[in-house]
N, C-alpha and C. Protein backbone atom coordinates (compact mmCIF):
# COMPACT_ATOMS: atom_id res chain seq x y z
N MET A 1 -13.18 -49.22 -7.18
CA MET A 1 -12.21 -48.35 -7.77
C MET A 1 -12.16 -47.03 -6.99
N VAL A 2 -10.97 -46.47 -6.85
CA VAL A 2 -10.77 -45.23 -6.07
C VAL A 2 -10.80 -44.05 -7.05
N SER A 3 -11.54 -43.03 -6.68
CA SER A 3 -11.65 -41.86 -7.55
C SER A 3 -10.50 -40.86 -7.24
N VAL A 4 -10.28 -39.99 -8.19
CA VAL A 4 -9.27 -38.96 -8.04
C VAL A 4 -9.61 -38.02 -6.87
N LYS A 5 -10.88 -37.75 -6.71
CA LYS A 5 -11.35 -36.89 -5.62
C LYS A 5 -11.00 -37.48 -4.27
N ASP A 6 -11.19 -38.79 -4.11
CA ASP A 6 -10.85 -39.46 -2.86
C ASP A 6 -9.35 -39.39 -2.59
N LEU A 7 -8.56 -39.55 -3.61
CA LEU A 7 -7.10 -39.48 -3.47
C LEU A 7 -6.65 -38.06 -3.10
N GLN A 8 -7.28 -37.06 -3.70
CA GLN A 8 -6.95 -35.68 -3.36
C GLN A 8 -7.28 -35.36 -1.91
N ASP A 9 -8.42 -35.88 -1.44
CA ASP A 9 -8.81 -35.67 -0.05
C ASP A 9 -7.81 -36.32 0.91
N VAL A 10 -7.36 -37.53 0.56
CA VAL A 10 -6.40 -38.23 1.42
C VAL A 10 -5.07 -37.45 1.44
N VAL A 11 -4.62 -36.98 0.27
CA VAL A 11 -3.38 -36.22 0.20
C VAL A 11 -3.48 -34.94 1.00
N ASP A 12 -4.63 -34.23 0.87
CA ASP A 12 -4.83 -33.01 1.63
C ASP A 12 -4.80 -33.25 3.13
N ASP A 13 -5.45 -34.33 3.57
CA ASP A 13 -5.43 -34.67 4.99
C ASP A 13 -4.01 -34.99 5.47
N LEU A 14 -3.25 -35.68 4.65
CA LEU A 14 -1.87 -35.99 5.01
C LEU A 14 -1.03 -34.72 5.10
N LYS A 15 -1.26 -33.78 4.18
CA LYS A 15 -0.54 -32.51 4.22
C LYS A 15 -0.82 -31.75 5.50
N VAL A 16 -2.09 -31.69 5.87
CA VAL A 16 -2.47 -30.99 7.07
C VAL A 16 -1.83 -31.62 8.30
N GLU A 17 -1.91 -32.93 8.37
CA GLU A 17 -1.33 -33.66 9.52
C GLU A 17 0.19 -33.48 9.56
N ALA A 18 0.86 -33.54 8.42
CA ALA A 18 2.32 -33.37 8.37
C ALA A 18 2.71 -31.96 8.79
N THR A 19 1.92 -30.98 8.37
CA THR A 19 2.20 -29.59 8.74
C THR A 19 2.07 -29.39 10.23
N LYS A 20 1.02 -29.98 10.82
CA LYS A 20 0.82 -29.86 12.25
C LYS A 20 2.00 -30.49 13.02
N ARG A 21 2.39 -31.68 12.59
CA ARG A 21 3.49 -32.37 13.28
C ARG A 21 4.80 -31.64 13.12
N ALA A 22 5.05 -31.07 11.94
CA ALA A 22 6.28 -30.32 11.72
C ALA A 22 6.32 -29.07 12.59
N ASN A 23 5.21 -28.37 12.67
CA ASN A 23 5.14 -27.17 13.50
C ASN A 23 5.35 -27.52 14.97
N ASP A 24 4.75 -28.61 15.43
CA ASP A 24 4.96 -29.03 16.80
C ASP A 24 6.41 -29.39 17.06
N LEU A 25 7.03 -30.10 16.13
CA LEU A 25 8.43 -30.51 16.29
C LEU A 25 9.36 -29.32 16.30
N PHE A 26 9.18 -28.41 15.34
CA PHE A 26 10.05 -27.24 15.29
C PHE A 26 9.81 -26.34 16.47
N GLY A 27 8.58 -26.17 16.92
CA GLY A 27 8.28 -25.34 18.07
C GLY A 27 8.94 -25.89 19.33
N GLU A 28 8.83 -27.22 19.52
CA GLU A 28 9.47 -27.83 20.66
C GLU A 28 10.99 -27.72 20.58
N GLY A 29 11.52 -27.92 19.41
CA GLY A 29 12.97 -27.82 19.22
C GLY A 29 13.47 -26.43 19.53
N LYS A 30 12.76 -25.41 19.07
CA LYS A 30 13.19 -24.03 19.33
C LYS A 30 13.19 -23.74 20.83
N ASN A 31 12.13 -24.19 21.53
CA ASN A 31 12.07 -23.97 22.95
C ASN A 31 13.17 -24.72 23.69
N GLU A 32 13.45 -25.96 23.25
CA GLU A 32 14.49 -26.73 23.88
C GLU A 32 15.88 -26.10 23.70
N VAL A 33 16.13 -25.59 22.52
CA VAL A 33 17.40 -24.92 22.25
C VAL A 33 17.53 -23.66 23.12
N ARG A 34 16.43 -22.91 23.24
CA ARG A 34 16.49 -21.70 24.06
C ARG A 34 16.75 -22.07 25.52
N ARG A 35 16.10 -23.13 26.00
CA ARG A 35 16.33 -23.57 27.38
C ARG A 35 17.77 -24.02 27.56
N ALA A 36 18.32 -24.73 26.59
CA ALA A 36 19.66 -25.27 26.71
C ALA A 36 20.73 -24.18 26.75
N VAL A 37 20.55 -23.12 25.97
CA VAL A 37 21.54 -22.07 25.92
C VAL A 37 21.21 -20.91 26.86
N GLY A 38 20.13 -21.04 27.61
CA GLY A 38 19.78 -19.99 28.56
C GLY A 38 19.09 -18.82 27.91
N GLY A 39 18.37 -19.03 26.83
CA GLY A 39 17.67 -17.97 26.12
C GLY A 39 16.37 -17.61 26.79
N HIS A 40 15.70 -16.62 26.26
CA HIS A 40 14.45 -16.14 26.81
C HIS A 40 13.32 -16.39 25.83
N SER A 41 12.10 -16.27 26.33
CA SER A 41 10.93 -16.46 25.47
C SER A 41 10.73 -15.25 24.56
N ASP A 42 9.87 -15.39 23.56
CA ASP A 42 9.60 -14.28 22.64
C ASP A 42 9.04 -13.07 23.39
N GLY A 43 8.15 -13.32 24.36
CA GLY A 43 7.57 -12.21 25.12
C GLY A 43 8.61 -11.44 25.89
N ALA A 44 9.55 -12.14 26.48
CA ALA A 44 10.60 -11.47 27.25
C ALA A 44 11.50 -10.67 26.33
N ILE A 45 11.80 -11.18 25.16
CA ILE A 45 12.62 -10.47 24.21
C ILE A 45 11.94 -9.19 23.73
N PHE A 46 10.62 -9.31 23.43
CA PHE A 46 9.88 -8.13 23.00
C PHE A 46 9.78 -7.08 24.09
N GLY A 47 9.55 -7.54 25.34
CA GLY A 47 9.50 -6.60 26.46
C GLY A 47 10.80 -5.87 26.66
N THR A 48 11.90 -6.59 26.53
CA THR A 48 13.22 -5.97 26.67
C THR A 48 13.48 -4.96 25.56
N LEU A 49 13.07 -5.29 24.35
CA LEU A 49 13.22 -4.36 23.24
C LEU A 49 12.41 -3.09 23.47
N ALA A 50 11.16 -3.25 23.89
CA ALA A 50 10.31 -2.08 24.13
C ALA A 50 10.86 -1.21 25.25
N LEU A 51 11.32 -1.83 26.32
CA LEU A 51 11.93 -1.08 27.41
C LEU A 51 13.16 -0.32 26.94
N GLY A 52 13.99 -0.97 26.14
CA GLY A 52 15.18 -0.30 25.62
C GLY A 52 14.85 0.88 24.74
N LEU A 53 13.82 0.75 23.90
CA LEU A 53 13.43 1.86 23.05
C LEU A 53 12.91 3.06 23.86
N VAL A 54 12.10 2.77 24.87
CA VAL A 54 11.55 3.86 25.71
C VAL A 54 12.68 4.54 26.48
N LEU A 55 13.54 3.76 27.10
CA LEU A 55 14.64 4.34 27.85
C LEU A 55 15.59 5.13 26.94
N GLY A 56 15.82 4.61 25.75
CA GLY A 56 16.69 5.34 24.79
C GLY A 56 16.09 6.67 24.40
N ALA A 57 14.77 6.71 24.20
CA ALA A 57 14.11 7.96 23.85
C ALA A 57 14.21 8.95 24.99
N ILE A 58 14.02 8.49 26.22
CA ILE A 58 14.09 9.39 27.36
C ILE A 58 15.50 9.93 27.55
N VAL A 59 16.50 9.08 27.45
CA VAL A 59 17.89 9.52 27.60
C VAL A 59 18.27 10.48 26.47
N GLY A 60 17.82 10.17 25.25
CA GLY A 60 18.12 11.05 24.12
C GLY A 60 17.50 12.43 24.29
N ALA A 61 16.29 12.47 24.77
CA ALA A 61 15.61 13.77 24.98
C ALA A 61 16.33 14.55 26.09
N ALA A 62 16.74 13.86 27.15
CA ALA A 62 17.44 14.56 28.25
C ALA A 62 18.77 15.13 27.76
N ILE A 63 19.49 14.37 26.97
CA ILE A 63 20.79 14.85 26.45
C ILE A 63 20.55 16.03 25.50
N ALA A 64 19.53 15.97 24.68
CA ALA A 64 19.23 17.07 23.77
C ALA A 64 18.90 18.35 24.53
N LEU A 65 18.15 18.21 25.63
CA LEU A 65 17.82 19.39 26.43
C LEU A 65 19.06 19.95 27.12
N LEU A 66 19.95 19.07 27.59
CA LEU A 66 21.15 19.56 28.30
C LEU A 66 22.15 20.23 27.38
N PHE A 67 22.26 19.75 26.15
CA PHE A 67 23.28 20.28 25.25
C PHE A 67 22.73 21.19 24.15
N ALA A 68 21.51 21.65 24.29
CA ALA A 68 20.94 22.58 23.29
C ALA A 68 21.74 23.89 23.33
N PRO A 69 22.05 24.46 22.15
CA PRO A 69 22.88 25.67 22.13
C PRO A 69 22.16 26.93 22.63
N PHE A 70 20.84 26.94 22.61
CA PHE A 70 20.10 28.09 23.11
C PHE A 70 18.71 27.63 23.56
N PRO A 71 18.01 28.43 24.36
CA PRO A 71 16.70 28.04 24.90
C PRO A 71 15.65 27.85 23.81
N GLY A 72 14.55 27.23 24.17
CA GLY A 72 13.49 26.91 23.23
C GLY A 72 12.86 28.12 22.58
N ASP A 73 12.66 29.19 23.37
CA ASP A 73 12.08 30.41 22.79
C ASP A 73 12.99 30.98 21.70
N GLU A 74 14.27 30.98 21.98
CA GLU A 74 15.24 31.48 21.00
C GLU A 74 15.26 30.59 19.76
N ALA A 75 15.19 29.27 19.95
CA ALA A 75 15.20 28.33 18.81
C ALA A 75 13.96 28.55 17.94
N ARG A 76 12.81 28.70 18.55
CA ARG A 76 11.58 28.95 17.78
C ARG A 76 11.66 30.28 17.02
N ARG A 77 12.21 31.31 17.67
CA ARG A 77 12.35 32.61 17.02
C ARG A 77 13.27 32.53 15.82
N ARG A 78 14.41 31.85 15.98
CA ARG A 78 15.36 31.73 14.86
C ARG A 78 14.76 30.88 13.73
N LEU A 79 14.06 29.83 14.08
CA LEU A 79 13.43 29.00 13.06
C LEU A 79 12.39 29.79 12.28
N THR A 80 11.57 30.58 12.98
CA THR A 80 10.57 31.41 12.33
C THR A 80 11.23 32.43 11.40
N GLU A 81 12.33 33.06 11.88
CA GLU A 81 13.02 34.03 11.03
C GLU A 81 13.58 33.37 9.78
N ASN A 82 14.17 32.20 9.91
CA ASN A 82 14.71 31.51 8.71
C ASN A 82 13.60 31.10 7.74
N ILE A 83 12.49 30.65 8.25
CA ILE A 83 11.38 30.28 7.36
C ILE A 83 10.85 31.51 6.64
N ASP A 84 10.70 32.62 7.36
CA ASP A 84 10.23 33.85 6.72
C ASP A 84 11.23 34.35 5.67
N LYS A 85 12.52 34.20 5.95
CA LYS A 85 13.55 34.61 5.01
C LYS A 85 13.46 33.78 3.73
N VAL A 86 13.26 32.48 3.87
CA VAL A 86 13.16 31.61 2.70
C VAL A 86 11.90 31.92 1.91
N ARG A 87 10.80 32.17 2.60
CA ARG A 87 9.54 32.46 1.91
C ARG A 87 9.64 33.76 1.12
N THR A 88 10.33 34.77 1.64
CA THR A 88 10.42 36.05 0.93
C THR A 88 11.41 36.01 -0.22
N THR A 89 12.45 35.16 -0.14
CA THR A 89 13.44 35.11 -1.20
C THR A 89 13.07 34.10 -2.29
N GLU A 90 12.14 33.22 -2.02
CA GLU A 90 11.73 32.19 -3.00
C GLU A 90 10.83 32.84 -4.04
N PRO A 91 11.17 32.76 -5.34
CA PRO A 91 10.31 33.35 -6.36
C PRO A 91 8.98 32.60 -6.48
N ALA A 92 7.95 33.31 -6.86
CA ALA A 92 6.62 32.71 -6.96
C ALA A 92 6.56 31.65 -8.04
N SER A 93 7.42 31.73 -9.06
CA SER A 93 7.40 30.76 -10.16
C SER A 93 7.82 29.38 -9.70
N LYS A 94 8.61 29.29 -8.62
CA LYS A 94 9.06 28.01 -8.13
C LYS A 94 8.10 27.39 -7.13
N ALA A 95 7.10 28.11 -6.76
CA ALA A 95 6.14 27.59 -5.78
C ALA A 95 5.24 26.59 -6.46
N GLY A 96 5.70 25.35 -6.59
CA GLY A 96 4.93 24.32 -7.28
C GLY A 96 4.65 23.17 -6.34
N ASN A 97 5.04 21.99 -6.78
CA ASN A 97 4.76 20.80 -6.00
C ASN A 97 5.86 20.50 -4.99
N GLY A 98 6.84 21.33 -4.83
CA GLY A 98 7.90 21.11 -3.87
C GLY A 98 9.11 20.45 -4.45
N SER A 99 9.09 20.07 -5.72
CA SER A 99 10.23 19.42 -6.35
C SER A 99 11.30 20.46 -6.65
N THR A 100 12.53 20.15 -6.32
CA THR A 100 13.63 21.06 -6.59
C THR A 100 14.38 20.67 -7.85
N ARG A 101 14.06 19.52 -8.42
CA ARG A 101 14.75 19.04 -9.61
C ARG A 101 14.05 19.61 -10.84
N PRO A 102 14.79 20.23 -11.78
CA PRO A 102 14.15 20.77 -12.96
C PRO A 102 13.66 19.62 -13.87
N VAL A 103 12.55 19.90 -14.53
CA VAL A 103 11.96 18.91 -15.41
C VAL A 103 12.59 19.08 -16.80
N SER A 104 13.08 17.98 -17.37
CA SER A 104 13.71 18.04 -18.67
C SER A 104 12.64 17.92 -19.74
N THR A 105 12.77 18.76 -20.77
CA THR A 105 11.84 18.69 -21.90
C THR A 105 12.51 18.21 -23.16
N VAL A 106 13.79 17.80 -23.07
CA VAL A 106 14.53 17.34 -24.23
C VAL A 106 13.98 16.02 -24.70
N GLY A 107 13.64 15.91 -25.96
CA GLY A 107 13.21 14.68 -26.55
C GLY A 107 11.82 14.25 -26.12
N SER A 108 11.07 15.11 -25.54
CA SER A 108 9.74 14.72 -25.13
C SER A 108 8.72 15.67 -25.75
N SER A 109 7.52 15.16 -25.92
CA SER A 109 6.47 16.02 -26.44
C SER A 109 5.25 15.82 -25.56
N ALA A 110 4.28 16.66 -25.76
CA ALA A 110 3.05 16.58 -24.95
C ALA A 110 2.23 15.35 -25.27
N TYR A 111 2.46 14.80 -26.47
CA TYR A 111 1.66 13.64 -26.92
C TYR A 111 2.57 12.47 -27.24
N PRO A 112 2.19 11.27 -26.82
CA PRO A 112 3.04 10.11 -27.14
C PRO A 112 3.02 9.84 -28.62
N SER A 113 4.14 9.36 -29.11
CA SER A 113 4.19 9.04 -30.54
C SER A 113 3.52 7.71 -30.83
N SER A 114 2.93 7.59 -32.02
CA SER A 114 2.19 6.37 -32.39
C SER A 114 3.06 5.43 -33.15
């Protein structure tokens, strides 16, 4: 007589084998489709993406430097002035957790109702 444990082991082995075969089949199919349509490997795609991101960052930084409305020293000075202006005009009562949304107290109490 065959036990349930033996049947479970056989089913588990079949699952593992089927999974391996399916992965091999799909992996081969994906590679064949890429070869047929002239696609690239995953490594080449990732390398191209990384290169594009780096070049985009360099070009963006160069454009920002060329079209900046004033030099860096002036930008830092203006930024410092604006921060100091906000700090002096901000009342001390609002210096909390940084939330700008007022907290509603309508219909709420300090203790939950039972």
